[in-house]
Amino acid sequence: MADAPEGFQKIGQGDRRLFGPEGLIACGFSADEQEKLAALLERLELPDLPVWFCGEPEARMTLAGIYELAPGHGRGVSSSLTRAIVVSGIAERKLHELMKGYRALGLPRTLWAALTPVSQKWMLAELLFALKKEDEEFGKMKGTNRKLNGDVLDTVLLLALPASGKSEVRRYLAHLPADECRREFHLGPTVQLDDFPYVHMMRRIDEELKKLGAEYVFFQSPEKPFRDTRDWLTLIELVNEDYFDLVANRRPEP
């Protein structure tokens, strides 16, 4: 089974493995809930998947450091941390099965993250803070009808747009009616990173920029889809930089 390249990749439905050692880091679960999660893994034919259950003592550890602990660490000890599951090393299709199975357990909603070369160096508390802030930003979008710049720019900054095209993308999207953004680019109040047709959006932006006499931002040709050969989730890594600017109120005007 082929491993995913060391870098950000679009999560698919196949047998390619996620980055990192095989296992889960689970935070915010009571002792009883931990057993329900373990039972789910057994039903998904992952009974031997290592799980590290983390609480306050592990919050200041890096993710890489947590993976060095004995598998099963923390089991039976309830955690008061933000509820989250960090996934690594398993087949992409198993991640989808795990997320679907978790929803069927009837447990409180959890935040999800896939381990990356960048996040493995973070302290667990830093990752949980970032996941929580991101979730709060998405929550603010639900049921709102905000002005164009507030709706569209916040949304775009949370999507997979490479940093090299930030200013051009902002200038283009800032003049579009909100209805057109939602209709043409599927931007809306319930943004999920794995639900949106990024390639379609980037191609459309390139087409409009070309009409205005500007050079391509994302695509040079069908044969060379990314102008700087970045892989798919490298784009998401880059937009994370924009995201942290956003939550720190460092967003430049379009």
Protein backbone atom coordinates (compact mmCIF):
# COMPACT_ATOMS: atom_id res chain seq x y z
CA MET A 1 0.00 0.00 0.00
CA ALA A 2 1.52 3.30 -1.09
CA ASP A 3 2.14 5.97 1.47
CA ALA A 4 1.06 9.56 0.89
CA PRO A 5 3.92 11.90 -0.03
CA GLU A 6 5.37 13.86 2.86
CA GLY A 7 3.27 16.97 2.46
CA PHE A 8 -0.33 18.07 2.28
CA GLN A 9 -2.51 16.01 -0.04
CA LYS A 10 -6.19 16.08 -0.89
CA ILE A 11 -7.92 13.39 1.15
CA GLY A 12 -9.29 10.76 -1.22
CA GLN A 13 -11.30 7.57 -0.87
CA GLY A 14 -8.61 5.01 -1.66
CA ASP A 15 -5.90 3.01 0.07
CA ARG A 16 -3.24 5.70 0.18
CA ARG A 17 -2.11 6.23 3.73
CA LEU A 18 -2.20 9.52 5.57
CA PHE A 19 1.05 11.12 6.70
CA GLY A 20 2.67 9.94 9.90
CA PRO A 21 2.68 6.90 12.17
CA GLU A 22 -0.44 4.77 12.23
CA GLY A 23 -2.78 5.80 15.02
CA LEU A 24 -5.15 8.31 16.60
CA ILE A 25 -4.67 11.02 19.19
CA ALA A 26 -8.00 11.47 21.00
CA CYS A 27 -8.70 14.40 23.32
CA GLY A 28 -11.70 15.41 25.43
CA PHE A 29 -13.21 11.94 25.90
CA SER A 30 -14.52 10.52 29.16
CA ALA A 31 -13.40 7.04 30.16
CA ASP A 32 -16.74 5.58 29.02
CA GLU A 33 -16.56 7.40 25.68
CA GLN A 34 -13.05 6.07 25.14
CA GLU A 35 -14.43 2.54 25.29
CA LYS A 36 -17.09 3.41 22.71
CA LEU A 37 -14.38 4.74 20.41
CA ALA A 38 -12.36 1.57 20.91
CA ALA A 39 -15.42 -0.53 20.05
CA LEU A 40 -15.91 1.50 16.88
CA LEU A 41 -12.34 0.81 15.80
CA GLU A 42 -12.94 -2.89 16.26
CA ARG A 43 -16.07 -2.75 14.09
CA LEU A 44 -14.06 -0.94 11.42
CA GLU A 45 -11.49 -3.75 11.48
CA LEU A 46 -8.95 -1.49 13.16
CA PRO A 47 -8.76 -3.22 16.55
CA ASP A 48 -4.98 -2.90 16.75
CA LEU A 49 -4.83 0.76 15.73
CA PRO A 50 -2.79 2.59 18.39
CA VAL A 51 -4.72 5.29 20.23
CA TRP A 52 -3.25 7.89 22.56
CA PHE A 53 -5.84 9.42 24.90
CA CYS A 54 -4.66 12.86 25.96
CA GLY A 55 -5.59 15.23 28.75
CA GLU A 56 -4.06 18.20 30.52
CA PRO A 57 -0.70 16.48 31.20
CA GLU A 58 -0.14 16.01 27.46
CA ALA A 59 -1.34 19.46 26.36
CA ARG A 60 2.18 20.93 26.37
CA MET A 61 3.69 18.02 24.47
CA THR A 62 4.28 18.10 20.72
CA LEU A 63 2.26 15.71 18.61
CA ALA A 64 5.49 13.97 17.64
CA GLY A 65 6.27 13.51 21.32
CA ILE A 66 2.85 12.03 22.03
CA TYR A 67 3.39 9.40 19.33
CA GLU A 68 6.48 8.28 21.24
CA LEU A 69 4.37 7.36 24.27
CA ALA A 70 3.15 3.79 24.71
CA PRO A 71 0.04 2.99 22.62
CA GLY A 72 -3.06 3.13 24.79
CA HIS A 73 -1.56 5.92 26.89
CA GLY A 74 -4.25 7.69 28.92
CA ARG A 75 -6.97 5.10 28.40
CA GLY A 76 -9.40 5.09 31.30
CA VAL A 77 -8.54 8.66 32.32
CA SER A 78 -11.20 11.24 31.43
CA SER A 79 -10.00 14.33 29.59
CA SER A 80 -11.23 17.92 29.89
CA LEU A 81 -9.45 19.15 26.75
CA THR A 82 -11.28 20.29 23.63
CA ARG A 83 -12.78 17.22 21.98
CA ALA A 84 -10.72 16.34 18.93
CA ILE A 85 -9.28 13.38 17.04
CA VAL A 86 -5.97 13.61 15.17
CA VAL A 87 -5.62 10.89 12.55
CA SER A 88 -2.41 9.62 10.94
CA GLY A 89 -1.01 6.71 8.99
CA ILE A 90 -4.29 4.99 8.07
CA ALA A 91 -5.81 4.53 4.62
CA GLU A 92 -7.82 7.52 3.44
CA ARG A 93 -10.93 5.37 2.99
CA LYS A 94 -10.63 4.31 6.63
CA LEU A 95 -10.64 7.94 7.71
CA HIS A 96 -13.98 8.45 5.94
CA GLU A 97 -15.34 5.26 7.53
CA LEU A 98 -14.12 6.43 10.93
CA MET A 99 -15.78 9.83 10.62
CA LYS A 100 -19.05 8.26 9.46
CA GLY A 101 -18.93 5.68 12.23
CA TYR A 102 -18.23 8.30 14.87
CA ARG A 103 -21.30 10.30 13.86
CA ALA A 104 -23.40 7.15 14.37
CA LEU A 105 -22.17 6.72 17.96
CA GLY A 106 -24.30 9.59 19.21
CA LEU A 107 -21.35 11.12 21.05
CA PRO A 108 -20.81 14.89 21.20
CA ARG A 109 -19.39 16.40 18.03
CA THR A 110 -15.62 16.20 17.69
CA LEU A 111 -13.10 18.25 15.76
CA TRP A 112 -10.97 16.33 13.25
CA ALA A 113 -7.42 16.85 12.03
CA ALA A 114 -5.01 14.85 9.90
CA LEU A 115 -1.40 14.92 11.05
CA THR A 116 0.91 16.91 8.77
CA PRO A 117 4.66 17.56 8.61
CA VAL A 118 3.92 20.99 10.07
CA SER A 119 1.44 20.09 12.81
CA GLN A 120 3.53 17.21 14.16
CA LYS A 121 5.89 19.89 15.53
CA TRP A 122 3.09 21.76 17.31
CA MET A 123 2.18 21.36 20.94
CA LEU A 124 -1.18 19.65 21.35
CA ALA A 125 -2.60 22.77 23.01
CA GLU A 126 -1.63 24.85 19.95
CA LEU A 127 -3.36 22.46 17.59
CA LEU A 128 -6.51 22.36 19.70
CA PHE A 129 -6.57 26.15 19.88
CA ALA A 130 -6.26 26.41 16.10
CA LEU A 131 -8.98 23.81 15.50
CA LYS A 132 -11.31 25.52 17.96
CA LYS A 133 -10.79 28.97 16.45
CA GLU A 134 -11.36 27.60 12.96
CA ASP A 135 -14.55 25.91 14.12
CA GLU A 136 -15.75 29.14 15.73
CA GLU A 137 -15.16 31.04 12.49
CA PHE A 138 -17.20 28.50 10.55
CA GLY A 139 -19.91 28.70 13.18
CA LYS A 140 -20.17 32.47 12.78
CA MET A 141 -21.00 31.96 9.12
CA LYS A 142 -24.02 29.76 9.81
CA GLY A 143 -27.34 31.45 9.34
CA THR A 144 -25.81 34.83 8.66
CA ASN A 145 -26.31 37.16 5.75
CA ARG A 146 -23.27 39.32 6.15
CA LYS A 147 -22.00 41.98 3.78
CA LEU A 148 -20.02 40.84 0.75
CA ASN A 149 -16.54 41.46 2.10
CA GLY A 150 -17.29 39.90 5.46
CA ASP A 151 -18.86 36.81 3.89
CA VAL A 152 -16.74 36.19 0.85
CA LEU A 153 -13.30 37.27 2.03
CA ASP A 154 -13.52 35.37 5.29
CA THR A 155 -14.65 32.29 3.39
CA VAL A 156 -11.99 32.50 0.72
CA LEU A 157 -9.27 32.89 3.32
CA LEU A 158 -10.40 29.58 4.80
CA LEU A 159 -10.26 27.78 1.46
CA ALA A 160 -7.35 26.34 -0.47
CA LEU A 161 -6.02 29.38 -2.32
CA PRO A 162 -2.25 29.69 -2.73
CA ALA A 163 -0.55 32.64 -1.11
CA SER A 164 0.97 33.68 -4.46
CA GLY A 165 -2.48 34.63 -5.70
CA LYS A 166 -3.96 36.21 -2.60
CA SER A 167 -4.22 39.82 -3.73
CA GLU A 168 -5.53 38.97 -7.20
CA VAL A 169 -8.12 36.60 -5.78
CA ARG A 170 -9.30 39.11 -3.21
CA ARG A 171 -9.60 41.89 -5.77
CA TYR A 172 -11.60 39.65 -8.07
CA LEU A 173 -13.95 38.22 -5.47
CA ALA A 174 -14.49 41.52 -3.68
CA HIS A 175 -16.51 42.95 -6.57
CA LEU A 176 -18.78 39.92 -7.09
CA PRO A 177 -22.36 39.84 -5.81
CA ALA A 178 -22.69 37.48 -2.87
CA ASP A 179 -25.33 35.42 -4.68
CA GLU A 180 -22.96 34.84 -7.58
CA CYS A 181 -20.22 33.69 -5.23
CA ARG A 182 -22.55 31.20 -3.62
CA ARG A 183 -23.95 30.03 -6.96
CA GLU A 184 -20.79 29.88 -9.05
CA PHE A 185 -18.19 28.97 -6.44
CA HIS A 186 -20.40 27.17 -3.92
CA LEU A 187 -19.35 29.49 -1.12
CA GLY A 188 -21.86 29.48 1.68
CA PRO A 189 -22.51 29.56 5.42
CA THR A 190 -21.57 25.92 6.08
CA VAL A 191 -18.03 25.77 4.75
CA GLN A 192 -16.27 22.41 5.00
CA LEU A 193 -12.75 22.11 3.62
CA ASP A 194 -13.42 18.76 1.96
CA ASP A 195 -16.70 19.75 0.29
CA PHE A 196 -15.73 22.48 -2.18
CA PRO A 197 -14.61 22.29 -5.83
CA TYR A 198 -11.38 24.22 -5.42
CA VAL A 199 -10.07 23.42 -8.88
CA HIS A 200 -13.26 24.71 -10.47
CA MET A 201 -13.05 27.91 -8.45
CA MET A 202 -9.39 28.47 -9.28
CA ARG A 203 -9.98 27.87 -13.00
CA ARG A 204 -12.86 30.33 -13.03
CA ILE A 205 -10.76 32.96 -11.29
CA ASP A 206 -7.98 32.45 -13.83
CA GLU A 207 -10.45 32.83 -16.70
CA GLU A 208 -11.73 36.12 -15.32
CA LEU A 209 -8.22 37.43 -14.69
CA LYS A 210 -7.25 36.58 -18.26
CA LYS A 211 -10.22 38.59 -19.55
CA LEU A 212 -8.91 41.53 -17.55
CA GLY A 213 -5.47 41.16 -19.11
CA ALA A 214 -3.85 39.73 -16.00
CA GLU A 215 -1.64 36.66 -15.97
CA TYR A 216 -2.81 33.32 -14.66
CA VAL A 217 -2.62 32.90 -10.91
CA PHE A 218 -3.18 29.16 -10.58
CA PHE A 219 -3.04 27.35 -13.93
CA GLN A 220 -0.71 27.73 -16.90
CA SER A 221 -2.25 24.97 -19.02
CA PRO A 222 -4.14 21.69 -18.67
CA GLU A 223 -0.78 19.92 -18.96
CA LYS A 224 0.73 21.97 -16.14
CA PRO A 225 -2.14 22.45 -13.69
CA PHE A 226 -0.27 24.38 -10.97
CA ARG A 227 2.02 27.15 -12.09
CA ASP A 228 4.50 26.52 -9.28
CA THR A 229 3.99 22.72 -9.08
CA ARG A 230 2.59 22.81 -5.55
CA ASP A 231 0.65 19.71 -4.70
CA TRP A 232 -2.99 19.87 -3.64
CA LEU A 233 -2.79 20.13 0.12
CA THR A 234 0.25 22.33 0.00
CA LEU A 235 -2.35 24.88 -1.09
CA ILE A 236 -4.29 24.18 2.08
CA GLU A 237 -1.11 24.58 4.13
CA LEU A 238 -0.59 27.98 2.53
CA VAL A 239 -4.13 29.10 3.24
CA ASN A 240 -3.59 28.15 6.88
CA GLU A 241 -1.14 31.04 6.98
CA ASP A 242 -3.94 33.30 5.75
CA TYR A 243 -6.28 31.79 8.32
CA PHE A 244 -4.05 32.66 11.25
CA ASP A 245 -3.77 36.20 9.87
CA LEU A 246 -7.56 36.28 9.72
CA VAL A 247 -8.21 35.19 13.30
CA ALA A 248 -5.54 37.64 14.49
CA ASN A 249 -7.32 40.46 12.62
CA ARG A 250 -4.38 40.90 10.25
CA ARG A 251 -6.47 40.64 7.08
CA PRO A 252 -5.44 43.17 4.42
CA GLU A 253 -8.11 44.94 2.48
CA PRO A 254 -8.71 43.78 -1.11
